Protein backbone atom coordinates (compact mmCIF):
# COMPACT_ATOMS: atom_id res chain seq x y z
CA UNK A 1 52.76 125.58 103.61
CA UNK A 2 55.56 123.25 102.54
CA UNK A 3 56.50 125.37 99.49
CA UNK A 4 57.19 128.59 101.46
CA UNK A 5 59.25 126.58 103.95
CA UNK A 6 61.35 125.11 101.15
CA UNK A 7 61.76 128.54 99.55
CA UNK A 8 62.90 130.02 102.84
CA UNK A 9 65.33 127.17 103.37
CA UNK A 10 66.74 127.61 99.88
CA UNK A 11 67.19 131.35 100.43
CA UNK A 12 69.02 130.75 103.70
CA UNK A 13 71.28 128.19 102.01
CA UNK A 14 71.99 130.58 99.14
CA UNK A 15 72.78 133.40 101.57
CA UNK A 16 75.25 131.18 103.43
CA UNK A 17 76.92 129.88 100.27
CA UNK A 18 77.00 133.18 98.35
CA UNK A 19 79.98 134.80 100.17
CA UNK A 20 82.21 131.76 99.70
CA UNK A 21 81.06 131.32 96.09
CA UNK A 22 81.76 134.99 95.34
CA UNK A 23 85.18 134.75 96.98
CA UNK A 24 86.11 131.67 94.92
CA UNK A 25 84.81 133.23 91.73
CA UNK A 26 86.69 136.52 92.19
CA UNK A 27 89.97 135.19 93.56
CA UNK A 28 90.16 131.74 91.92
CA UNK A 29 88.04 131.34 88.81
CA UNK A 30 88.57 134.78 87.26
CA UNK A 31 92.37 134.79 87.80
CA UNK A 32 92.57 131.32 86.27
CA UNK A 33 90.59 132.48 83.22
CA UNK A 34 92.96 135.44 82.85
CA UNK A 35 95.95 133.11 83.18
CA UNK A 36 94.47 130.80 80.55
CA UNK A 37 94.05 133.74 78.15
CA UNK A 38 97.62 134.91 78.81
CA UNK A 39 98.95 131.40 78.08
CA UNK A 40 97.89 131.69 74.44
CA UNK A 41 99.33 135.18 74.02
CA UNK A 42 102.79 136.57 73.33
CA UNK A 43 105.33 138.49 75.34
CA UNK A 44 105.14 142.21 74.63
CA UNK A 45 108.41 143.88 73.53
CA UNK A 46 108.67 145.70 76.85
CA UNK A 47 107.51 142.63 78.79
CA UNK A 48 104.11 141.54 79.97
CA UNK A 49 101.27 140.36 77.74
CA UNK A 50 100.47 141.01 74.12
CA UNK A 51 97.20 139.75 72.65
CA UNK A 52 97.60 136.82 70.26
CA UNK A 53 96.53 133.23 69.77
CA UNK A 54 99.46 130.86 69.63
CA UNK A 55 100.60 127.60 71.16
CA UNK A 56 104.22 128.74 71.13
CA UNK A 57 104.31 129.09 74.93
CA UNK A 58 103.29 125.49 75.44
CA UNK A 59 105.81 124.41 72.79
CA UNK A 60 108.52 126.08 74.90
CA UNK A 61 107.69 124.08 78.02
CA UNK A 62 110.67 121.71 77.50
CA UNK A 63 113.01 124.66 78.14
CA UNK A 64 111.88 124.45 81.77
CA UNK A 65 112.20 120.67 81.91
CA UNK A 66 114.58 120.86 84.89
CA UNK A 67 112.00 122.68 87.01
CA UNK A 68 109.30 120.17 86.05
CA UNK A 69 111.65 117.26 86.72
CA UNK A 70 112.70 118.54 90.13
CA UNK A 71 109.11 119.23 91.11
CA UNK A 72 107.65 115.96 89.86
CA UNK A 73 110.44 113.95 91.53
CA UNK A 74 111.07 115.79 94.78
CA UNK A 75 107.40 116.58 95.55
CA UNK A 76 106.29 112.90 95.61
CA UNK A 77 109.57 111.94 97.30
CA UNK A 78 108.98 114.58 99.97
CA UNK A 79 105.40 113.37 100.45
CA UNK A 80 106.64 109.78 100.82
CA UNK A 81 109.25 110.79 103.39
CA UNK A 82 106.60 112.75 105.28
CA UNK A 83 104.41 109.64 105.27
CA UNK A 84 107.20 107.41 106.58
CA UNK A 85 107.84 109.80 109.47
CA UNK A 86 104.23 110.79 110.09
CA UNK A 87 102.59 107.35 110.29
CA UNK A 88 104.45 106.11 113.39
CA UNK A 89 103.82 109.45 115.11
CA UNK A 90 100.12 109.41 114.24
CA UNK A 91 99.85 105.76 115.29
CA UNK A 92 101.40 106.47 118.66
CA UNK A 93 99.17 109.49 119.25
CA UNK A 94 95.98 107.68 118.29
CA UNK A 95 96.58 104.17 119.62
CA UNK A 96 99.39 104.11 122.16
CA UNK A 97 99.47 107.51 123.84
CA UNK A 98 97.93 107.99 127.27
CA UNK A 99 94.50 109.64 126.70
CA UNK A 100 95.30 112.06 129.52
CA UNK A 101 98.21 113.54 127.55
CA UNK A 102 96.97 112.94 124.02
CA UNK A 103 95.58 116.44 123.51
CA UNK A 104 98.86 117.98 124.67
CA UNK A 105 100.86 115.77 122.31
CA UNK A 106 98.58 116.56 119.36
CA UNK A 107 98.93 120.26 120.15
CA UNK A 108 102.72 119.90 120.03
CA UNK A 109 102.40 118.60 116.48
CA UNK A 110 100.91 121.90 115.30
CA UNK A 111 103.14 124.15 117.43
CA UNK A 112 105.58 124.74 114.51
CA UNK A 113 102.75 126.44 112.61
CA UNK A 114 102.76 129.15 115.26
CA UNK A 115 106.02 130.37 113.75
CA UNK A 116 106.46 131.64 110.20
CA UNK A 117 107.72 129.07 107.71
CA UNK A 118 110.20 131.69 106.52
CA UNK A 119 111.77 131.97 109.98
CA UNK A 120 111.92 128.20 110.42
CA UNK A 121 113.50 127.74 107.00
CA UNK A 122 116.14 130.36 107.80
CA UNK A 123 116.92 128.36 110.93
CA UNK A 124 117.53 125.30 108.76
CA UNK A 125 119.80 127.38 106.52
CA UNK A 126 121.99 128.04 109.56
CA UNK A 127 121.86 124.41 110.73
CA UNK A 128 122.82 123.04 107.31
CA UNK A 129 125.20 125.88 106.45
CA UNK A 130 128.95 126.07 106.93
CA UNK A 131 128.60 127.13 110.60
CA UNK A 132 126.14 124.37 111.45
CA UNK A 133 126.37 120.59 111.05
CA UNK A 134 129.23 120.71 108.48
CA UNK A 135 131.28 122.71 111.00
CA UNK A 136 130.67 120.08 113.68
CA UNK A 137 131.68 117.33 111.25
CA UNK A 138 134.89 119.21 110.45
CA UNK A 139 135.76 119.23 114.16
CA UNK A 140 135.70 115.42 114.22
CA UNK A 141 137.73 115.09 111.02
CA UNK A 142 135.00 114.84 108.37
CA UNK A 143 135.69 117.68 105.97
CA UNK A 144 134.24 119.10 102.75
CA UNK A 145 130.67 118.17 103.59
CA UNK A 146 128.13 120.34 101.80
CA UNK A 147 124.56 120.02 103.01
CA UNK A 148 122.99 123.33 102.01
CA UNK A 149 121.91 124.00 98.40
CA UNK A 150 121.36 120.31 97.69
CA UNK A 151 118.27 118.18 96.94
CA UNK A 152 118.76 116.54 100.34
CA UNK A 153 118.47 119.90 102.08
CA UNK A 154 115.28 120.64 100.15
CA UNK A 155 113.80 117.25 101.12
CA UNK A 156 114.70 117.85 104.76
CA UNK A 157 113.00 121.24 104.68
CA UNK A 158 109.95 119.70 103.02
CA UNK A 159 109.61 117.01 105.67
CA UNK A 160 110.03 119.54 108.47
CA UNK A 161 107.61 122.04 106.97
CA UNK A 162 104.84 119.68 105.85
CA UNK A 163 105.01 116.91 108.45
CA UNK A 164 102.06 118.20 110.55
CA UNK A 165 99.86 118.24 107.43
CA UNK A 166 100.60 114.55 106.99
CA UNK A 167 100.24 113.58 110.64
CA UNK A 168 96.80 115.07 111.26
CA UNK A 169 94.74 113.23 108.57
CA UNK A 170 96.36 109.92 109.51
CA UNK A 171 95.76 110.61 113.19
CA UNK A 172 92.08 111.32 112.53
CA UNK A 173 91.68 108.01 110.67
CA UNK A 174 93.47 106.04 113.38
CA UNK A 175 91.64 107.81 116.19
CA UNK A 176 88.32 106.61 114.74
CA UNK A 177 89.60 103.04 114.61
CA UNK A 178 87.34 100.61 116.46
CA UNK A 179 89.58 99.06 119.13
CA UNK A 180 87.33 95.99 119.22
CA UNK A 181 88.68 95.02 115.79
CA UNK A 182 92.21 94.97 117.17
CA UNK A 183 91.09 92.91 120.15
CA UNK A 184 89.22 90.49 117.89
CA UNK A 185 92.30 90.07 115.73
CA UNK A 186 94.42 89.32 118.78
CA UNK A 187 91.81 86.87 120.15
CA UNK A 188 91.89 85.01 116.84
CA UNK A 189 95.62 84.48 117.27
CA UNK A 190 96.96 87.13 114.90
CA UNK A 191 100.35 88.56 115.73
CA UNK A 192 100.71 92.34 116.18
CA UNK A 193 102.36 92.65 112.76
CA UNK A 194 99.53 90.73 111.10
CA UNK A 195 96.97 92.85 112.93
CA UNK A 196 98.66 96.02 111.76
CA UNK A 197 98.82 95.03 108.08
CA UNK A 198 95.46 93.28 108.09
CA UNK A 199 93.36 95.68 110.15
CA UNK A 200 95.02 98.94 111.16
CA UNK A 201 96.73 99.90 107.91
CA UNK A 202 93.77 99.23 105.56
CA UNK A 203 91.38 101.17 107.79
CA UNK A 204 93.77 104.12 107.97
CA UNK A 205 94.44 104.32 104.23
CA UNK A 206 91.82 107.02 103.60
CA UNK A 207 93.74 109.28 105.99
CA UNK A 208 97.01 108.27 104.34
CA UNK A 209 95.68 109.16 100.90
CA UNK A 210 94.33 112.46 102.22
CA UNK A 211 97.70 113.38 103.69
CA UNK A 212 99.66 112.30 100.62
CA UNK A 213 97.37 114.18 98.25
CA UNK A 214 97.36 117.31 100.42
CA UNK A 215 101.13 117.44 100.83
CA UNK A 216 101.88 116.53 97.21
CA UNK A 217 99.54 119.17 95.80
CA UNK A 218 101.00 121.88 98.03
CA UNK A 219 104.54 120.82 97.15
CA UNK A 220 103.86 121.09 93.42
CA UNK A 221 103.61 124.86 93.88
CA UNK A 222 106.32 125.20 96.55
CA UNK A 223 108.65 128.19 96.20
CA UNK A 224 110.17 129.15 99.55
CA UNK A 225 111.92 125.92 100.59
CA UNK A 226 113.74 125.24 97.29
CA UNK A 227 114.63 128.93 97.01
CA UNK A 228 116.28 129.10 100.45
CA UNK A 229 117.55 125.57 101.01
CA UNK A 230 118.21 124.86 97.33
CA UNK A 231 119.99 128.15 96.73
CA UNK A 232 118.82 128.40 93.13
CA UNK A 233 120.40 125.04 92.31
CA UNK A 234 117.24 123.04 93.02
CA UNK A 235 114.60 124.74 90.92
CA UNK A 236 110.89 124.02 91.38
CA UNK A 237 108.04 125.16 89.12
CA UNK A 238 107.18 127.81 91.70
CA UNK A 239 110.66 129.28 91.32
CA UNK A 240 110.30 129.27 87.53
CA UNK A 241 107.00 131.15 87.80
CA UNK A 242 108.52 133.84 90.02
CA UNK A 243 111.40 134.26 87.58
CA UNK A 244 109.12 134.52 84.54
CA UNK A 245 106.57 136.88 86.05
CA UNK A 246 108.83 139.17 88.09
CA UNK A 247 112.26 138.96 86.44
CA UNK A 248 111.81 138.08 82.77
CA UNK A 249 108.30 139.56 82.63
CA UNK A 250 107.30 136.80 80.25
CA UNK A 251 103.72 136.52 81.43
CA UNK A 252 102.44 134.27 78.61
CA UNK A 253 105.14 131.66 79.15
CA UNK A 254 104.65 131.83 82.91
CA UNK A 255 100.91 131.44 82.43
CA UNK A 256 101.45 128.39 80.21
CA UNK A 257 103.58 126.80 82.94
CA UNK A 258 100.97 127.67 85.57
CA UNK A 259 98.15 126.16 83.49
CA UNK A 260 100.22 123.02 83.04
CA UNK A 261 100.83 122.91 86.79
CA UNK A 262 97.10 123.20 87.47
CA UNK A 263 96.47 120.33 85.05
CA UNK A 264 99.07 118.22 86.89
CA UNK A 265 97.42 119.03 90.24
CA UNK A 266 94.00 118.02 88.89
CA UNK A 267 95.40 114.72 87.62
CA UNK A 268 97.11 114.03 90.96
CA UNK A 269 93.90 114.80 92.82
CA UNK A 270 91.79 112.58 90.56
CA UNK A 271 94.23 109.67 90.90
CA UNK A 272 94.32 110.08 94.68
CA UNK A 273 90.51 110.17 94.84
CA UNK A 274 90.17 107.01 92.76
CA UNK A 275 92.68 105.18 94.92
CA UNK A 276 90.96 106.38 98.09
CA UNK A 277 87.56 105.31 96.78
CA UNK A 278 88.83 101.83 95.95
CA UNK A 279 90.57 101.49 99.32
CA UNK A 280 87.61 102.72 101.34
CA UNK A 281 85.06 100.89 99.21
CA UNK A 282 82.96 104.04 98.94
CA UNK A 283 82.82 107.32 97.08
CA UNK A 284 82.37 109.35 100.23
CA UNK A 285 86.06 110.01 100.93
CA UNK A 286 87.04 113.65 101.40
CA UNK A 287 90.58 114.62 100.39
CA UNK A 288 90.58 118.17 101.72
């Protein structure tokens, strides 16, 4: 009797998992295998892929050092800035906000996602462009200020675009915080600052690590924000991939860069998981 029940349960589980597994296999695993094969090939004379087995594409990676440098510097910097802005917001929503209005305030955090990132980034192009903030500064005597097409503009766009993705994991961690721990800390004579660094911050670190890992990984493949707010002067790996696949039609070199990017993402994820495990004292921390 038990065996048929287990078989039926296994079949139901397989039926539920099969669509997602097939989707991942077709649209994630197979394209990655094709990309890996392309990375060891050569560029055909007319562009595209030509079968070969060579490491020449990986040897040429230093020619795109600027894109790697910008990505590996600005992506973590953008994630850090998002964290610095997101933590106070998440703390207020989870700990200080009136429970009656908390749901409304949390909803306001995700309202920007109701509008296309492209439209919102174009709005920032106007704000940072010659007719926006620089024009206002000129009116008060501050001239020759260039804000658009700079690393600062890209960082500003990153913080604006990815801030909700940082706020929500931290908010979830803080919302689960046992308020009795805060009260006990206060009863034992700890000051609010000591309570925050001794109780609140350590217990919220899993959410912090989740947000940092999520934002950093997404930023490593970012294309739109550096393209529009960087104006081609702040080049990310995503911009290099678009150029190689669509303009230069150098698919093997683009595939080599993409494989390297995937390897970097895996390393970042593994490091974040190890840190989260040590902080939480358990290996049950989910990062996505």
